[in-house]
């Protein structure tokens, strides 16, 4: 988990779109749960 977190921290400032793409798959289920 540590290395993955480090990669995420590195990708955060570089390209937030990358994080968004990684989170996109998790957004639909959450949206369906909230709605």
PDB file of N, CA and C in Angstrom:
ATOM      1  N   UNK A   1       0.843  -1.206   0.000  1.00  0.00           N
ATOM      2  CA  UNK A   1       0.000   0.000   0.000  1.00  0.00           C
ATOM      3  C   UNK A   1       0.878   1.256   0.000  1.00  0.00           C
ATOM      4  N   UNK A   2       2.006   1.172   0.679  1.00  0.00           N
ATOM      5  CA  UNK A   2       2.906   2.336   0.752  1.00  0.00           C
ATOM      6  C   UNK A   2       3.378   2.773  -0.635  1.00  0.00           C
ATOM      7  N   UNK A   3       3.889   1.836  -1.460  1.00  0.00           N
ATOM      8  CA  UNK A   3       4.361   2.227  -2.797  1.00  0.00           C
ATOM      9  C   UNK A   3       3.237   2.810  -3.650  1.00  0.00           C
ATOM     10  N   UNK A   4       2.040   2.228  -3.528  1.00  0.00           N
ATOM     11  CA  UNK A   4       0.906   2.750  -4.301  1.00  0.00           C
ATOM     12  C   UNK A   4       0.585   4.168  -3.857  1.00  0.00           C
ATOM     13  N   UNK A   5       0.658   4.398  -2.552  1.00  0.00           N
ATOM     14  CA  UNK A   5       0.365   5.728  -2.033  1.00  0.00           C
ATOM     15  C   UNK A   5       1.408   6.723  -2.552  1.00  0.00           C
ATOM     16  N   UNK A   6       2.660   6.276  -2.587  1.00  0.00           N
ATOM     17  CA  UNK A   6       3.736   7.149  -3.078  1.00  0.00           C
ATOM     18  C   UNK A   6       3.486   7.501  -4.538  1.00  0.00           C
ATOM     19  N   UNK A   7       3.070   6.514  -5.322  1.00  0.00           N
ATOM     20  CA  UNK A   7       2.797   6.766  -6.741  1.00  0.00           C
ATOM     21  C   UNK A   7       1.647   7.751  -6.878  1.00  0.00           C
ATOM     22  N   UNK A   8       0.641   7.599  -6.042  1.00  0.00           N
ATOM     23  CA  UNK A   8      -0.511   8.501  -6.099  1.00  0.00           C
ATOM     24  C   UNK A   8      -0.076   9.921  -5.744  1.00  0.00           C
ATOM     25  N   UNK A   9       0.783  10.034  -4.721  1.00  0.00           N
ATOM     26  CA  UNK A   9       1.263  11.358  -4.329  1.00  0.00           C
ATOM     27  C   UNK A   9       2.068  11.993  -5.455  1.00  0.00           C
ATOM     28  N   UNK A  10       2.823  11.154  -6.189  1.00  0.00           N
ATOM     29  CA  UNK A  10       3.624  11.684  -7.300  1.00  0.00           C
ATOM     30  C   UNK A  10       2.727  12.108  -8.458  1.00  0.00           C
ATOM     31  N   UNK A  11       1.665  11.336  -8.689  1.00  0.00           N
ATOM     32  CA  UNK A  11       0.789  11.634  -9.824  1.00  0.00           C
ATOM     33  C   UNK A  11      -0.158  12.788  -9.499  1.00  0.00           C
ATOM     34  N   UNK A  12      -0.377  13.032  -8.224  1.00  0.00           N
ATOM     35  CA  UNK A  12      -1.331  14.080  -7.847  1.00  0.00           C
ATOM     36  C   UNK A  12      -0.931  15.445  -8.409  1.00  0.00           C
ATOM     37  N   UNK A  13       0.252  15.946  -8.070  1.00  0.00           N
ATOM     38  CA  UNK A  13       0.657  17.275  -8.568  1.00  0.00           C
ATOM     39  C   UNK A  13       0.903  17.290 -10.071  1.00  0.00           C
ATOM     40  N   UNK A  14       1.341  16.147 -10.613  1.00  0.00           N
ATOM     41  CA  UNK A  14       1.652  16.101 -12.043  1.00  0.00           C
ATOM     42  C   UNK A  14       0.382  16.193 -12.887  1.00  0.00           C
ATOM     43  N   UNK A  15      -0.541  15.272 -12.645  1.00  0.00           N
ATOM     44  CA  UNK A  15      -1.758  15.267 -13.467  1.00  0.00           C
ATOM     45  C   UNK A  15      -2.957  14.794 -12.654  1.00  0.00           C
ATOM     46  N   UNK A  16      -3.759  15.728 -12.155  1.00  0.00           N
ATOM     47  CA  UNK A  16      -4.956  15.374 -11.383  1.00  0.00           C
ATOM     48  C   UNK A  16      -5.922  14.534 -12.216  1.00  0.00           C
ATOM     49  N   UNK A  17      -5.828  14.664 -13.537  1.00  0.00           N
ATOM     50  CA  UNK A  17      -6.716  13.887 -14.411  1.00  0.00           C
ATOM     51  C   UNK A  17      -6.431  12.405 -14.246  1.00  0.00           C
ATOM     52  N   UNK A  18      -5.171  12.056 -13.976  1.00  0.00           N
ATOM     53  CA  UNK A  18      -4.799  10.661 -13.792  1.00  0.00           C
ATOM     54  C   UNK A  18      -5.535  10.095 -12.574  1.00  0.00           C
ATOM     55  N   UNK A  19      -5.542  10.867 -11.488  1.00  0.00           N
ATOM     56  CA  UNK A  19      -6.251  10.422 -10.282  1.00  0.00           C
ATOM     57  C   UNK A  19      -7.740  10.318 -10.581  1.00  0.00           C
ATOM     58  N   UNK A  20      -8.252  11.284 -11.332  1.00  0.00           N
ATOM     59  CA  UNK A  20      -9.678  11.278 -11.675  1.00  0.00           C
ATOM     60  C   UNK A  20     -10.021  10.006 -12.450  1.00  0.00           C
ATOM     61  N   UNK A  21      -9.144   9.636 -13.387  1.00  0.00           N
ATOM     62  CA  UNK A  21      -9.384   8.414 -14.173  1.00  0.00           C
ATOM     63  C   UNK A  21      -9.368   7.190 -13.264  1.00  0.00           C
ATOM     64  N   UNK A  22      -8.500   7.212 -12.249  1.00  0.00           N
ATOM     65  CA  UNK A  22      -8.411   6.082 -11.331  1.00  0.00           C
ATOM     66  C   UNK A  22      -9.663   6.009 -10.449  1.00  0.00           C
ATOM     67  N   UNK A  23     -10.222   7.183 -10.123  1.00  0.00           N
ATOM     68  CA  UNK A  23     -11.390   7.212  -9.244  1.00  0.00           C
ATOM     69  C   UNK A  23     -12.691   7.032 -10.028  1.00  0.00           C
ATOM     70  N   UNK A  24     -12.670   7.357 -11.310  1.00  0.00           N
ATOM     71  CA  UNK A  24     -13.881   7.261 -12.132  1.00  0.00           C
ATOM     72  C   UNK A  24     -14.618   5.933 -11.940  1.00  0.00           C
ATOM     73  N   UNK A  25     -13.936   4.777 -12.025  1.00  0.00           N
ATOM     74  CA  UNK A  25     -14.623   3.491 -11.860  1.00  0.00           C
ATOM     75  C   UNK A  25     -15.337   3.383 -10.511  1.00  0.00           C
ATOM     76  N   UNK A  26     -14.873   4.099  -9.506  1.00  0.00           N
ATOM     77  CA  UNK A  26     -15.467   3.993  -8.167  1.00  0.00           C
ATOM     78  C   UNK A  26     -16.604   4.994  -7.987  1.00  0.00           C
ATOM     79  N   UNK A  27     -16.690   5.984  -8.864  1.00  0.00           N
ATOM     80  CA  UNK A  27     -17.711   7.028  -8.706  1.00  0.00           C
ATOM     81  C   UNK A  27     -19.128   6.517  -9.020  1.00  0.00           C
ATOM     82  N   UNK A  28     -19.352   5.840 -10.143  1.00  0.00           N
ATOM     83  CA  UNK A  28     -20.702   5.375 -10.482  1.00  0.00           C
ATOM     84  C   UNK A  28     -21.366   4.574  -9.358  1.00  0.00           C
ATOM     85  N   UNK A  29     -20.707   3.561  -8.774  1.00  0.00           N
ATOM     86  CA  UNK A  29     -21.327   2.794  -7.694  1.00  0.00           C
ATOM     87  C   UNK A  29     -21.673   3.682  -6.505  1.00  0.00           C
ATOM     88  N   UNK A  30     -20.783   4.620  -6.183  1.00  0.00           N
ATOM     89  CA  UNK A  30     -21.042   5.512  -5.048  1.00  0.00           C
ATOM     90  C   UNK A  30     -22.245   6.405  -5.352  1.00  0.00           C
ATOM     91  N   UNK A  31     -22.310   6.916  -6.561  1.00  0.00           N
ATOM     92  CA  UNK A  31     -23.411   7.793  -6.954  1.00  0.00           C
ATOM     93  C   UNK A  31     -24.727   7.034  -6.886  1.00  0.00           C
ATOM     94  N   UNK A  32     -24.701   5.774  -7.341  1.00  0.00           N
ATOM     95  CA  UNK A  32     -25.928   4.980  -7.335  1.00  0.00           C
ATOM     96  C   UNK A  32     -26.349   4.693  -5.897  1.00  0.00           C
ATOM     97  N   UNK A  33     -25.373   4.556  -5.003  1.00  0.00           N
ATOM     98  CA  UNK A  33     -25.683   4.271  -3.594  1.00  0.00           C
ATOM     99  C   UNK A  33     -26.287   5.512  -2.936  1.00  0.00           C
ATOM    100  N   UNK A  34     -25.712   6.683  -3.238  1.00  0.00           N
ATOM    101  CA  UNK A  34     -26.194   7.915  -2.626  1.00  0.00           C
ATOM    102  C   UNK A  34     -27.561   8.295  -3.199  1.00  0.00           C
ATOM    103  N   UNK A  35     -27.753   8.062  -4.471  1.00  0.00           N
ATOM    104  CA  UNK A  35     -29.017   8.426  -5.123  1.00  0.00           C
ATOM    105  C   UNK A  35     -29.990   7.258  -5.046  1.00  0.00           C
TER     106      UNK A  35
END
